[in-house]
Amino acid sequence: RFTISRDNAKNTVYLQMNNLKPEDTAVYYCRSDYMARRYWGQGT
């Protein structure tokens, strides 16, 4: 149902969500991981 992808030229990662269900309801957070350093977005 979901597909993650990235566009490195745009510094952007995507999450395409299809056939959504009520149990998908949540705050969704983006996270980066590089050389053991992890950062989080504020959520949507």
All heavy atoms as atom14 arrays in JSON, in Angstrom:
{
  "sequence": "RFTISRDNAKNTVYLQMNNLKPEDTAVYYCRSDYMARRYWGQGT",
  "atom14_mask": [
    [1, 1, 1, 1, 1, 1, 1, 1, 1, 1, 1, 0, 0, 0],
    [1, 1, 1, 1, 1, 1, 1, 1, 1, 1, 1, 0, 0, 0],
    [1, 1, 1, 1, 1, 1, 1, 0, 0, 0, 0, 0, 0, 0],
    [1, 1, 1, 1, 1, 1, 1, 1, 0, 0, 0, 0, 0, 0],
    [1, 1, 1, 1, 1, 1, 0, 0, 0, 0, 0, 0, 0, 0],
    [1, 1, 1, 1, 1, 1, 1, 1, 1, 1, 1, 0, 0, 0],
    [1, 1, 1, 1, 1, 1, 1, 1, 0, 0, 0, 0, 0, 0],
    [1, 1, 1, 1, 1, 1, 1, 1, 0, 0, 0, 0, 0, 0],
    [1, 1, 1, 1, 1, 0, 0, 0, 0, 0, 0, 0, 0, 0],
    [1, 1, 1, 1, 1, 1, 1, 1, 1, 0, 0, 0, 0, 0],
    [1, 1, 1, 1, 1, 1, 1, 1, 0, 0, 0, 0, 0, 0],
    [1, 1, 1, 1, 1, 1, 1, 0, 0, 0, 0, 0, 0, 0],
    [1, 1, 1, 1, 1, 1, 1, 0, 0, 0, 0, 0, 0, 0],
    [1, 1, 1, 1, 1, 1, 1, 1, 1, 1, 1, 1, 0, 0],
    [1, 1, 1, 1, 1, 1, 1, 1, 0, 0, 0, 0, 0, 0],
    [1, 1, 1, 1, 1, 1, 1, 1, 1, 0, 0, 0, 0, 0],
    [1, 1, 1, 1, 1, 1, 1, 1, 0, 0, 0, 0, 0, 0],
    [1, 1, 1, 1, 1, 1, 1, 1, 0, 0, 0, 0, 0, 0],
    [1, 1, 1, 1, 1, 1, 1, 1, 0, 0, 0, 0, 0, 0],
    [1, 1, 1, 1, 1, 1, 1, 1, 0, 0, 0, 0, 0, 0],
    [1, 1, 1, 1, 1, 1, 1, 1, 1, 0, 0, 0, 0, 0],
    [1, 1, 1, 1, 1, 1, 1, 0, 0, 0, 0, 0, 0, 0],
    [1, 1, 1, 1, 1, 1, 1, 1, 1, 0, 0, 0, 0, 0],
    [1, 1, 1, 1, 1, 1, 1, 1, 0, 0, 0, 0, 0, 0],
    [1, 1, 1, 1, 1, 1, 1, 0, 0, 0, 0, 0, 0, 0],
    [1, 1, 1, 1, 1, 0, 0, 0, 0, 0, 0, 0, 0, 0],
    [1, 1, 1, 1, 1, 1, 1, 0, 0, 0, 0, 0, 0, 0],
    [1, 1, 1, 1, 1, 1, 1, 1, 1, 1, 1, 1, 0, 0],
    [1, 1, 1, 1, 1, 1, 1, 1, 1, 1, 1, 1, 0, 0],
    [1, 1, 1, 1, 1, 1, 0, 0, 0, 0, 0, 0, 0, 0],
    [1, 1, 1, 1, 1, 1, 1, 1, 1, 1, 1, 0, 0, 0],
    [1, 1, 1, 1, 1, 1, 0, 0, 0, 0, 0, 0, 0, 0],
    [1, 1, 1, 1, 1, 1, 1, 1, 0, 0, 0, 0, 0, 0],
    [1, 1, 1, 1, 1, 1, 1, 1, 1, 1, 1, 1, 0, 0],
    [1, 1, 1, 1, 1, 1, 1, 1, 0, 0, 0, 0, 0, 0],
    [1, 1, 1, 1, 1, 0, 0, 0, 0, 0, 0, 0, 0, 0],
    [1, 1, 1, 1, 1, 1, 1, 1, 1, 1, 1, 0, 0, 0],
    [1, 1, 1, 1, 1, 1, 1, 1, 1, 1, 1, 0, 0, 0],
    [1, 1, 1, 1, 1, 1, 1, 1, 1, 1, 1, 1, 0, 0],
    [1, 1, 1, 1, 1, 1, 1, 1, 1, 1, 1, 1, 1, 1],
    [1, 1, 1, 1, 0, 0, 0, 0, 0, 0, 0, 0, 0, 0],
    [1, 1, 1, 1, 1, 1, 1, 1, 1, 0, 0, 0, 0, 0],
    [1, 1, 1, 1, 0, 0, 0, 0, 0, 0, 0, 0, 0, 0],
    [1, 1, 1, 1, 1, 1, 1, 0, 0, 0, 0, 0, 0, 0]
  ],
  "atom14_positions": [
    [[0.81, -1.21, 0.0], [0.0, 0.0, 0.0], [0.85, 1.27, 0.0], [0.45, 2.27, -0.61], [-0.93, 0.03, 1.22], [-1.91, -1.13, 1.26], [-2.94, -0.93, 2.37], [-2.33, -0.92, 3.7], [-2.39, 0.11, 4.54], [-3.04, 1.22, 4.2], [-1.82, 0.04, 5.74], [0.0, 0.0, 0.0], [0.0, 0.0, 0.0], [0.0, 0.0, 0.0]],
    [[1.98, 1.24, 0.69], [2.84, 2.41, 0.81], [4.1, 2.21, -0.01], [4.61, 1.09, -0.15], [3.25, 2.63, 2.27], [2.15, 3.09, 3.18], [0.82, 3.07, 2.8], [2.46, 3.54, 4.46], [-0.19, 3.48, 3.65], [1.46, 3.96, 5.32], [0.15, 3.93, 4.93], [0.0, 0.0, 0.0], [0.0, 0.0, 0.0], [0.0, 0.0, 0.0]],
    [[4.64, 3.3, -0.51], [5.89, 3.28, -1.25], [6.77, 4.43, -0.8], [6.34, 5.59, -0.84], [5.67, 3.38, -2.77], [4.83, 2.31, -3.21], [7.01, 3.3, -3.5], [0.0, 0.0, 0.0], [0.0, 0.0, 0.0], [0.0, 0.0, 0.0], [0.0, 0.0, 0.0], [0.0, 0.0, 0.0], [0.0, 0.0, 0.0], [0.0, 0.0, 0.0]],
    [[7.98, 4.12, -0.38], [8.94, 5.16, -0.02], [9.88, 5.37, -1.2], [10.28, 4.43, -1.88], [9.72, 4.79, 1.26], [10.58, 5.96, 1.74], [10.57, 3.53, 1.07], [11.19, 5.75, 3.12], [0.0, 0.0, 0.0], [0.0, 0.0, 0.0], [0.0, 0.0, 0.0], [0.0, 0.0, 0.0], [0.0, 0.0, 0.0], [0.0, 0.0, 0.0]],
    [[10.23, 6.62, -1.44], [11.13, 6.96, -2.52], [11.9, 8.21, -2.14], [11.57, 8.89, -1.17], [10.38, 7.16, -3.84], [9.47, 8.24, -3.74], [0.0, 0.0, 0.0], [0.0, 0.0, 0.0], [0.0, 0.0, 0.0], [0.0, 0.0, 0.0], [0.0, 0.0, 0.0], [0.0, 0.0, 0.0], [0.0, 0.0, 0.0], [0.0, 0.0, 0.0]],
    [[12.92, 8.51, -2.91], [13.72, 9.7, -2.64], [14.15, 10.36, -3.93], [14.33, 9.7, -4.96], [14.93, 9.36, -1.77], [15.96, 8.47, -2.45], [16.96, 7.89, -1.44], [17.7, 8.93, -0.74], [18.31, 8.76, 0.43], [18.25, 7.58, 1.05], [18.97, 9.76, 0.99], [0.0, 0.0, 0.0], [0.0, 0.0, 0.0], [0.0, 0.0, 0.0]],
    [[14.33, 11.66, -3.86], [14.87, 12.44, -4.96], [16.05, 13.19, -4.39], [15.9, 14.23, -3.74], [13.81, 13.4, -5.51], [14.28, 14.12, -6.76], [15.5, 14.24, -6.98], [13.42, 14.56, -7.54], [0.0, 0.0, 0.0], [0.0, 0.0, 0.0], [0.0, 0.0, 0.0], [0.0, 0.0, 0.0], [0.0, 0.0, 0.0], [0.0, 0.0, 0.0]],
    [[17.24, 12.65, -4.62], [18.43, 13.24, -4.03], [18.72, 14.64, -4.55], [19.29, 15.46, -3.84], [19.63, 12.33, -4.26], [19.54, 11.04, -3.48], [18.89, 10.97, -2.44], [20.2, 10.0, -3.97], [0.0, 0.0, 0.0], [0.0, 0.0, 0.0], [0.0, 0.0, 0.0], [0.0, 0.0, 0.0], [0.0, 0.0, 0.0], [0.0, 0.0, 0.0]],
    [[18.35, 14.91, -5.78], [18.56, 16.24, -6.34], [17.73, 17.29, -5.63], [18.09, 18.47, -5.62], [18.24, 16.25, -7.84], [0.0, 0.0, 0.0], [0.0, 0.0, 0.0], [0.0, 0.0, 0.0], [0.0, 0.0, 0.0], [0.0, 0.0, 0.0], [0.0, 0.0, 0.0], [0.0, 0.0, 0.0], [0.0, 0.0, 0.0], [0.0, 0.0, 0.0]],
    [[16.62, 16.88, -5.03], [15.74, 17.79, -4.3], [15.87, 17.67, -2.79], [15.14, 18.33, -2.06], [14.29, 17.56, -4.7], [13.99, 17.85, -6.16], [12.52, 17.62, -6.47], [12.2, 17.94, -7.91], [10.77, 17.7, -8.23], [0.0, 0.0, 0.0], [0.0, 0.0, 0.0], [0.0, 0.0, 0.0], [0.0, 0.0, 0.0], [0.0, 0.0, 0.0]],
    [[16.78, 16.83, -2.32], [16.94, 16.59, -0.89], [15.62, 16.23, -0.23], [15.28, 16.72, 0.85], [17.55, 17.81, -0.2], [19.06, 17.85, -0.26], [19.67, 17.3, -1.18], [19.68, 18.5, 0.71], [0.0, 0.0, 0.0], [0.0, 0.0, 0.0], [0.0, 0.0, 0.0], [0.0, 0.0, 0.0], [0.0, 0.0, 0.0], [0.0, 0.0, 0.0]],
    [[14.87, 15.35, -0.88], [13.52, 15.05, -0.42], [13.25, 13.55, -0.44], [13.65, 12.85, -1.38], [12.47, 15.77, -1.28], [12.71, 17.18, -1.23], [11.07, 15.5, -0.78], [0.0, 0.0, 0.0], [0.0, 0.0, 0.0], [0.0, 0.0, 0.0], [0.0, 0.0, 0.0], [0.0, 0.0, 0.0], [0.0, 0.0, 0.0], [0.0, 0.0, 0.0]],
    [[12.56, 13.08, 0.59], [12.07, 11.72, 0.64], [10.55, 11.76, 0.68], [9.96, 12.67, 1.28], [12.66, 10.94, 1.84], [12.22, 11.57, 3.16], [12.27, 9.48, 1.79], [0.0, 0.0, 0.0], [0.0, 0.0, 0.0], [0.0, 0.0, 0.0], [0.0, 0.0, 0.0], [0.0, 0.0, 0.0], [0.0, 0.0, 0.0], [0.0, 0.0, 0.0]],
    [[9.92, 10.79, 0.04], [8.47, 10.76, -0.08], [7.91, 9.48, 0.5], [8.57, 8.44, 0.55], [8.03, 10.85, -1.55], [8.56, 12.04, -2.29], [9.73, 11.96, -3.04], [7.89, 13.26, -2.25], [10.22, 13.06, -3.72], [8.37, 14.36, -2.93], [9.54, 14.25, -3.67], [10.02, 15.34, -4.35], [0.0, 0.0, 0.0], [0.0, 0.0, 0.0]],
    [[6.66, 9.55, 0.9], [5.91, 8.36, 1.27], [4.56, 8.44, 0.58], [3.71, 9.24, 0.96], [5.73, 8.25, 2.78], [5.04, 6.97, 3.26], [5.93, 5.75, 3.0], [4.69, 7.05, 4.75], [0.0, 0.0, 0.0], [0.0, 0.0, 0.0], [0.0, 0.0, 0.0], [0.0, 0.0, 0.0], [0.0, 0.0, 0.0], [0.0, 0.0, 0.0]],
    [[4.4, 7.62, -0.45], [3.12, 7.52, -1.14], [2.27, 6.5, -0.42], [2.65, 5.34, -0.29], [3.32, 7.1, -2.6], [2.04, 6.93, -3.39], [1.3, 8.23, -3.58], [1.9, 9.23, -3.95], [0.0, 8.22, -3.34], [0.0, 0.0, 0.0], [0.0, 0.0, 0.0], [0.0, 0.0, 0.0], [0.0, 0.0, 0.0], [0.0, 0.0, 0.0]],
    [[1.11, 6.92, 0.05], [0.23, 6.08, 0.83], [-1.07, 5.88, 0.06], [-1.8, 6.84, -0.19], [-0.05, 6.69, 2.2], [1.21, 6.99, 3.0], [0.85, 7.61, 4.66], [0.13, 9.21, 4.25], [0.0, 0.0, 0.0], [0.0, 0.0, 0.0], [0.0, 0.0, 0.0], [0.0, 0.0, 0.0], [0.0, 0.0, 0.0], [0.0, 0.0, 0.0]],
    [[-1.35, 4.64, -0.31], [-2.56, 4.3, -1.04], [-3.43, 3.37, -0.2], [-2.95, 2.71, 0.71], [-2.21, 3.62, -2.37], [-1.44, 4.5, -3.31], [-1.63, 5.71, -3.34], [-0.55, 3.89, -4.1], [0.0, 0.0, 0.0], [0.0, 0.0, 0.0], [0.0, 0.0, 0.0], [0.0, 0.0, 0.0], [0.0, 0.0, 0.0], [0.0, 0.0, 0.0]],
    [[-4.7, 3.32, -0.56], [-5.65, 2.47, 0.14], [-5.55, 2.65, 1.65], [-5.42, 1.69, 2.41], [-5.44, 1.0, -0.24], [-6.56, 0.1, 0.23], [-7.69, 0.55, 0.44], [-6.25, -1.18, 0.42], [0.0, 0.0, 0.0], [0.0, 0.0, 0.0], [0.0, 0.0, 0.0], [0.0, 0.0, 0.0], [0.0, 0.0, 0.0], [0.0, 0.0, 0.0]],
    [[-5.62, 3.88, 2.08], [-5.47, 4.19, 3.49], [-6.59, 3.61, 4.33], [-7.74, 3.54, 3.9], [-5.38, 5.7, 3.69], [-4.02, 6.3, 3.31], [-4.15, 7.79, 3.06], [-3.01, 6.01, 4.4], [0.0, 0.0, 0.0], [0.0, 0.0, 0.0], [0.0, 0.0, 0.0], [0.0, 0.0, 0.0], [0.0, 0.0, 0.0], [0.0, 0.0, 0.0]],
    [[-6.23, 3.2, 5.54], [-7.15, 2.6, 6.48], [-7.2, 3.43, 7.76], [-6.24, 4.14, 8.07], [-6.72, 1.17, 6.82], [-6.58, 0.26, 5.61], [-6.04, -1.11, 6.01], [-5.91, -2.02, 4.81], [-5.38, -3.35, 5.2], [0.0, 0.0, 0.0], [0.0, 0.0, 0.0], [0.0, 0.0, 0.0], [0.0, 0.0, 0.0], [0.0, 0.0, 0.0]],
    [[-8.29, 3.35, 8.51], [-8.36, 4.11, 9.76], [-7.19, 3.84, 10.7], [-6.75, 4.75, 11.41], [-9.69, 3.64, 10.38], [-10.52, 3.3, 9.2], [-9.57, 2.68, 8.21], [0.0, 0.0, 0.0], [0.0, 0.0, 0.0], [0.0, 0.0, 0.0], [0.0, 0.0, 0.0], [0.0, 0.0, 0.0], [0.0, 0.0, 0.0], [0.0, 0.0, 0.0]],
    [[-6.67, 2.62, 10.71], [-5.55, 2.29, 11.57], [-4.24, 2.93, 11.14], [-3.24, 2.84, 11.85], [-5.37, 0.77, 11.69], [-5.31, 0.05, 10.36], [-6.65, -0.54, 9.95], [-7.68, 0.15, 10.1], [-6.66, -1.7, 9.48], [0.0, 0.0, 0.0], [0.0, 0.0, 0.0], [0.0, 0.0, 0.0], [0.0, 0.0, 0.0], [0.0, 0.0, 0.0]],
    [[-4.22, 3.58, 9.98], [-3.06, 4.35, 9.55], [-3.01, 5.73, 10.2], [-2.02, 6.45, 10.05], [-3.05, 4.51, 8.03], [-2.89, 3.19, 7.3], [-2.08, 2.35, 7.74], [-3.56, 3.01, 6.27], [0.0, 0.0, 0.0], [0.0, 0.0, 0.0], [0.0, 0.0, 0.0], [0.0, 0.0, 0.0], [0.0, 0.0, 0.0], [0.0, 0.0, 0.0]],
    [[-4.07, 6.1, 10.89], [-4.12, 7.41, 11.54], [-3.01, 7.53, 12.57], [-2.88, 6.7, 13.47], [-5.48, 7.62, 12.22], [-6.5, 7.65, 11.22], [-5.5, 8.93, 12.99], [0.0, 0.0, 0.0], [0.0, 0.0, 0.0], [0.0, 0.0, 0.0], [0.0, 0.0, 0.0], [0.0, 0.0, 0.0], [0.0, 0.0, 0.0], [0.0, 0.0, 0.0]],
    [[-2.2, 8.56, 12.44], [-1.06, 8.77, 13.32], [-0.36, 10.07, 12.93], [-0.66, 10.66, 11.89], [-0.07, 7.6, 13.23], [0.0, 0.0, 0.0], [0.0, 0.0, 0.0], [0.0, 0.0, 0.0], [0.0, 0.0, 0.0], [0.0, 0.0, 0.0], [0.0, 0.0, 0.0], [0.0, 0.0, 0.0], [0.0, 0.0, 0.0], [0.0, 0.0, 0.0]],
    [[0.58, 10.47, 13.76], [1.52, 11.5, 13.37], [2.69, 10.81, 12.69], [3.27, 9.88, 13.25], [2.0, 12.33, 14.57], [3.04, 13.36, 14.12], [0.82, 13.03, 15.24], [0.0, 0.0, 0.0], [0.0, 0.0, 0.0], [0.0, 0.0, 0.0], [0.0, 0.0, 0.0], [0.0, 0.0, 0.0], [0.0, 0.0, 0.0], [0.0, 0.0, 0.0]],
    [[3.02, 11.25, 11.5], [4.09, 10.65, 10.73], [5.34, 11.51, 10.82], [5.28, 12.73, 10.6], [3.67, 10.46, 9.27], [2.73, 9.29, 9.08], [1.43, 9.35, 9.56], [3.16, 8.13, 8.44], [0.57, 8.27, 9.41], [2.31, 7.06, 8.28], [1.02, 7.13, 8.77], [0.18, 6.05, 8.61], [0.0, 0.0, 0.0], [0.0, 0.0, 0.0]],
    [[6.46, 10.87, 11.11], [7.72, 11.55, 11.3], [8.76, 11.09, 10.3], [8.85, 9.9, 10.0], [8.28, 11.3, 12.7], [7.42, 11.79, 13.83], [6.45, 10.99, 14.4], [7.59, 13.08, 14.34], [5.66, 11.44, 15.44], [6.81, 13.54, 15.38], [5.85, 12.72, 15.93], [5.08, 13.17, 16.98], [0.0, 0.0, 0.0], [0.0, 0.0, 0.0]],
    [[9.54, 12.01, 9.84], [10.67, 11.73, 8.97], [11.94, 11.65, 9.82], [12.11, 12.43, 10.77], [10.79, 12.86, 7.94], [12.17, 12.71, 6.79], [0.0, 0.0, 0.0], [0.0, 0.0, 0.0], [0.0, 0.0, 0.0], [0.0, 0.0, 0.0], [0.0, 0.0, 0.0], [0.0, 0.0, 0.0], [0.0, 0.0, 0.0], [0.0, 0.0, 0.0]],
    [[12.81, 10.71, 9.5], [14.06, 10.58, 10.23], [15.22, 10.37, 9.28], [15.12, 9.62, 8.31], [14.0, 9.41, 11.22], [15.15, 9.44, 12.22], [15.31, 8.12, 12.96], [15.92, 7.1, 12.12], [16.24, 5.89, 12.55], [16.0, 5.55, 13.82], [16.8, 5.01, 11.72], [0.0, 0.0, 0.0], [0.0, 0.0, 0.0], [0.0, 0.0, 0.0]],
    [[16.33, 11.02, 9.58], [17.57, 10.81, 8.85], [18.56, 10.06, 9.72], [18.52, 10.16, 10.95], [18.17, 12.14, 8.38], [18.56, 12.93, 9.49], [0.0, 0.0, 0.0], [0.0, 0.0, 0.0], [0.0, 0.0, 0.0], [0.0, 0.0, 0.0], [0.0, 0.0, 0.0], [0.0, 0.0, 0.0], [0.0, 0.0, 0.0], [0.0, 0.0, 0.0]],
    [[19.43, 9.33, 9.08], [20.44, 8.54, 9.79], [21.71, 8.58, 8.96], [21.73, 8.1, 7.82], [19.94, 7.11, 9.98], [20.87, 6.26, 10.84], [22.08, 6.52, 10.88], [20.36, 5.32, 11.48], [0.0, 0.0, 0.0], [0.0, 0.0, 0.0], [0.0, 0.0, 0.0], [0.0, 0.0, 0.0], [0.0, 0.0, 0.0], [0.0, 0.0, 0.0]],
    [[22.74, 9.15, 9.55], [24.02, 9.22, 8.86], [25.14, 9.16, 9.88], [25.2, 9.98, 10.79], [24.14, 10.5, 8.03], [25.49, 10.65, 7.37], [25.9, 9.79, 6.36], [26.36, 11.67, 7.75], [27.14, 9.92, 5.76], [27.6, 11.81, 7.14], [27.99, 10.93, 6.16], [29.21, 11.08, 5.56], [0.0, 0.0, 0.0], [0.0, 0.0, 0.0]],
    [[25.99, 8.17, 9.73], [27.16, 8.02, 10.58], [26.78, 8.04, 12.06], [27.4, 8.72, 12.88], [28.18, 9.1, 10.28], [28.71, 9.06, 8.85], [29.61, 7.53, 8.49], [31.11, 7.82, 9.43], [0.0, 0.0, 0.0], [0.0, 0.0, 0.0], [0.0, 0.0, 0.0], [0.0, 0.0, 0.0], [0.0, 0.0, 0.0], [0.0, 0.0, 0.0]],
    [[25.74, 7.31, 12.4], [25.24, 7.14, 13.76], [24.58, 8.4, 14.33], [24.27, 8.44, 15.52], [26.33, 6.66, 14.7], [0.0, 0.0, 0.0], [0.0, 0.0, 0.0], [0.0, 0.0, 0.0], [0.0, 0.0, 0.0], [0.0, 0.0, 0.0], [0.0, 0.0, 0.0], [0.0, 0.0, 0.0], [0.0, 0.0, 0.0], [0.0, 0.0, 0.0]],
    [[24.37, 9.4, 13.5], [23.66, 10.6, 13.94], [22.25, 10.57, 13.36], [22.08, 10.44, 12.15], [24.38, 11.87, 13.5], [25.73, 12.06, 14.17], [26.32, 13.41, 13.83], [27.58, 13.65, 14.52], [28.24, 14.8, 14.5], [27.75, 15.82, 13.84], [29.39, 14.91, 15.15], [0.0, 0.0, 0.0], [0.0, 0.0, 0.0], [0.0, 0.0, 0.0]],
    [[21.28, 10.69, 14.23], [19.89, 10.6, 13.83], [19.13, 11.87, 14.19], [19.3, 12.42, 15.28], [19.22, 9.39, 14.47], [19.87, 8.07, 14.07], [19.21, 6.87, 14.72], [19.78, 5.62, 14.23], [20.81, 5.0, 14.81], [21.38, 5.49, 15.9], [21.27, 3.87, 14.29], [0.0, 0.0, 0.0], [0.0, 0.0, 0.0], [0.0, 0.0, 0.0]],
    [[18.3, 12.31, 13.27], [17.52, 13.52, 13.46], [16.08, 13.25, 13.05], [15.8, 12.43, 12.18], [18.08, 14.68, 12.65], [19.49, 15.06, 13.05], [20.58, 14.5, 12.41], [19.71, 15.95, 14.09], [21.88, 14.84, 12.78], [21.0, 16.29, 14.47], [22.08, 15.73, 13.82], [23.36, 16.06, 14.2], [0.0, 0.0, 0.0], [0.0, 0.0, 0.0]],
    [[15.18, 13.98, 13.68], [13.74, 13.82, 13.46], [13.11, 15.11, 12.97], [13.51, 16.2, 13.36], [13.03, 13.41, 14.74], [13.42, 12.06, 15.26], [14.44, 11.78, 16.12], [12.78, 10.82, 14.98], [14.48, 10.43, 16.39], [13.47, 9.82, 15.7], [11.69, 10.45, 14.19], [13.11, 8.47, 15.66], [11.33, 9.12, 14.15], [12.03, 8.14, 14.87]],
    [[12.11, 14.96, 12.13], [11.27, 16.09, 11.77], [10.23, 16.32, 12.85], [10.15, 15.6, 13.84], [0.0, 0.0, 0.0], [0.0, 0.0, 0.0], [0.0, 0.0, 0.0], [0.0, 0.0, 0.0], [0.0, 0.0, 0.0], [0.0, 0.0, 0.0], [0.0, 0.0, 0.0], [0.0, 0.0, 0.0], [0.0, 0.0, 0.0], [0.0, 0.0, 0.0]],
    [[9.41, 17.34, 12.66], [8.42, 17.71, 13.67], [7.14, 16.9, 13.57], [6.33, 16.9, 14.5], [8.09, 19.21, 13.56], [7.05, 19.57, 12.51], [7.54, 19.44, 11.08], [8.74, 19.33, 10.82], [6.61, 19.45, 10.13], [0.0, 0.0, 0.0], [0.0, 0.0, 0.0], [0.0, 0.0, 0.0], [0.0, 0.0, 0.0], [0.0, 0.0, 0.0]],
    [[6.95, 16.2, 12.48], [5.79, 15.36, 12.3], [4.67, 16.03, 11.52], [4.54, 17.25, 11.52], [0.0, 0.0, 0.0], [0.0, 0.0, 0.0], [0.0, 0.0, 0.0], [0.0, 0.0, 0.0], [0.0, 0.0, 0.0], [0.0, 0.0, 0.0], [0.0, 0.0, 0.0], [0.0, 0.0, 0.0], [0.0, 0.0, 0.0], [0.0, 0.0, 0.0]],
    [[3.87, 15.21, 10.87], [2.69, 15.69, 10.16], [1.54, 14.73, 10.43], [1.7, 13.51, 10.4], [2.96, 15.85, 8.65], [1.82, 16.42, 8.01], [3.29, 14.51, 7.99], [0.0, 0.0, 0.0], [0.0, 0.0, 0.0], [0.0, 0.0, 0.0], [0.0, 0.0, 0.0], [0.0, 0.0, 0.0], [0.0, 0.0, 0.0], [0.0, 0.0, 0.0]]
  ]
}
